[in-house]
């Protein structure tokens, strides 16, 4: 049976740059043959911001690095749509971070398991989430 996972931005980056930061069980789940990995375009946007603000250093500019990382990882794009935009304002979260709201709404709409270490997202309701 297939397991479909939506990676939170930091989980995607850790899986590429620092896989040891992920729990062994998480690494195993994400690399299992039945796992399908997805990423929201919001995570691409967040990654670009991290590079622009100097919080993530990459060899090339953010665009070529991200494009290469996406191609190499074979991760699917969980595209934004109107339902995700509407649900992003309705999800049950303790905070109002727009990126988190879009990511949670994406997991809910596509029925993906959100993989995160963000405690606030792990405590949310209306979607499945696991600790990275």
Protein backbone atom coordinates (compact mmCIF):
# COMPACT_ATOMS: atom_id res chain seq x y z
CA UNK A 1 0.00 0.00 0.00
CA UNK A 2 1.35 3.39 -1.01
CA UNK A 3 2.18 6.03 1.59
CA UNK A 4 1.98 9.60 0.35
CA UNK A 5 4.00 12.16 2.31
CA UNK A 6 4.06 15.95 2.06
CA UNK A 7 7.42 17.21 3.29
CA UNK A 8 7.47 20.40 5.32
CA UNK A 9 10.10 22.80 4.01
CA UNK A 10 12.71 22.03 6.67
CA UNK A 11 12.21 18.28 6.27
CA UNK A 12 12.82 18.55 2.53
CA UNK A 13 15.98 20.60 3.12
CA UNK A 14 17.23 18.27 5.85
CA UNK A 15 16.61 15.24 3.62
CA UNK A 16 18.87 16.86 1.01
CA UNK A 17 21.52 18.53 3.16
CA UNK A 18 21.47 16.96 6.64
CA UNK A 19 19.60 13.64 6.57
CA UNK A 20 21.03 12.78 9.99
CA UNK A 21 18.75 15.41 11.54
CA UNK A 22 15.75 13.26 10.63
CA UNK A 23 14.78 10.42 12.91
CA UNK A 24 15.91 7.01 11.66
CA UNK A 25 12.29 5.85 11.47
CA UNK A 26 11.41 8.88 9.34
CA UNK A 27 14.33 8.32 6.96
CA UNK A 28 13.25 4.71 6.61
CA UNK A 29 9.62 5.67 5.91
CA UNK A 30 10.57 8.27 3.32
CA UNK A 31 12.92 5.95 1.44
CA UNK A 32 10.62 2.91 1.48
CA UNK A 33 9.61 1.62 -1.94
CA UNK A 34 5.93 2.31 -1.23
CA UNK A 35 6.57 5.96 -0.27
CA UNK A 36 5.65 8.80 -2.60
CA UNK A 37 7.04 12.20 -1.65
CA UNK A 38 5.39 15.52 -2.39
CA UNK A 39 6.38 19.16 -1.93
CA UNK A 40 4.28 22.28 -1.97
CA UNK A 41 5.36 25.19 -4.18
CA UNK A 42 5.20 27.19 -0.94
CA UNK A 43 8.25 25.22 0.24
CA UNK A 44 10.11 26.27 -2.90
CA UNK A 45 9.17 29.88 -2.13
CA UNK A 46 10.29 29.49 1.51
CA UNK A 47 13.60 28.01 0.38
CA UNK A 48 14.18 30.95 -1.95
CA UNK A 49 13.57 33.32 0.97
CA UNK A 50 16.03 31.41 3.15
CA UNK A 51 18.73 31.80 0.49
CA UNK A 52 17.91 35.49 -0.10
CA UNK A 53 18.11 36.20 3.65
CA UNK A 54 21.38 34.33 4.07
CA UNK A 55 19.89 31.63 6.31
CA UNK A 56 20.70 28.93 3.73
CA UNK A 57 23.90 28.98 1.74
CA UNK A 58 23.97 27.26 -1.64
CA UNK A 59 26.73 27.10 -4.24
CA UNK A 60 24.64 28.58 -7.04
CA UNK A 61 21.79 31.06 -6.84
CA UNK A 62 18.54 29.87 -5.28
CA UNK A 63 16.77 29.16 -8.60
CA UNK A 64 19.38 26.81 -10.12
CA UNK A 65 20.02 25.10 -6.79
CA UNK A 66 16.32 24.49 -6.14
CA UNK A 67 15.69 23.32 -9.71
CA UNK A 68 18.59 20.87 -9.46
CA UNK A 69 17.45 19.64 -6.02
CA UNK A 70 13.90 19.08 -7.26
CA UNK A 71 15.08 17.19 -10.34
CA UNK A 72 17.52 15.04 -8.38
CA UNK A 73 15.04 14.15 -5.65
CA UNK A 74 12.20 13.13 -7.98
CA UNK A 75 9.73 14.68 -5.55
CA UNK A 76 6.23 15.43 -6.81
CA UNK A 77 4.65 18.86 -6.91
CA UNK A 78 1.53 19.19 -4.77
CA UNK A 79 0.17 22.07 -6.82
CA UNK A 80 -1.70 24.96 -5.26
CA UNK A 81 -5.34 25.35 -6.21
CA UNK A 82 -8.40 27.33 -5.17
CA UNK A 83 -9.50 24.79 -2.56
CA UNK A 84 -6.08 24.95 -0.88
CA UNK A 85 -6.22 28.75 -0.86
CA UNK A 86 -9.66 28.73 0.75
CA UNK A 87 -8.81 26.01 3.26
CA UNK A 88 -5.59 27.79 4.26
CA UNK A 89 -7.73 30.37 6.05
CA UNK A 90 -9.87 27.72 7.79
CA UNK A 91 -7.30 25.21 9.08
CA UNK A 92 -6.99 24.74 12.83
CA UNK A 93 -3.56 26.17 13.70
CA UNK A 94 -2.31 28.05 16.75
CA UNK A 95 -0.62 30.67 14.62
CA UNK A 96 -1.19 32.61 11.43
CA UNK A 97 1.98 31.84 9.42
CA UNK A 98 0.73 31.89 5.81
CA UNK A 99 3.29 29.34 4.58
CA UNK A 100 2.35 26.84 7.29
CA UNK A 101 -1.34 27.39 6.55
CA UNK A 102 -0.81 26.63 2.85
CA UNK A 103 1.28 23.55 3.61
CA UNK A 104 -1.29 22.17 6.07
CA UNK A 105 -4.15 22.90 3.65
CA UNK A 106 -2.21 21.12 0.90
CA UNK A 107 -1.79 18.02 3.09
CA UNK A 108 -5.50 18.07 3.88
CA UNK A 109 -6.77 18.59 0.33
CA UNK A 110 -4.51 15.94 -1.21
CA UNK A 111 -4.86 13.61 1.82
CA UNK A 112 -1.10 13.48 2.32
CA UNK A 113 0.72 12.75 5.56
CA UNK A 114 2.57 15.89 6.59
CA UNK A 115 6.14 15.20 7.75
CA UNK A 116 7.37 17.94 10.09
CA UNK A 117 9.17 18.68 13.34
CA UNK A 118 7.11 21.80 13.94
CA UNK A 119 5.23 21.14 17.18
CA UNK A 120 2.52 23.62 16.25
CA UNK A 121 1.78 21.69 13.06
CA UNK A 122 1.90 18.35 14.86
CA UNK A 123 -0.81 19.61 17.25
CA UNK A 124 -3.14 20.79 14.45
CA UNK A 125 -6.31 18.93 13.53
CA UNK A 126 -8.01 18.00 10.28
CA UNK A 127 -4.92 16.43 8.66
CA UNK A 128 -2.46 13.62 9.33
CA UNK A 129 1.06 14.52 10.46
CA UNK A 130 4.08 12.62 11.68
CA UNK A 131 7.21 13.79 13.47
CA UNK A 132 10.28 13.93 11.25
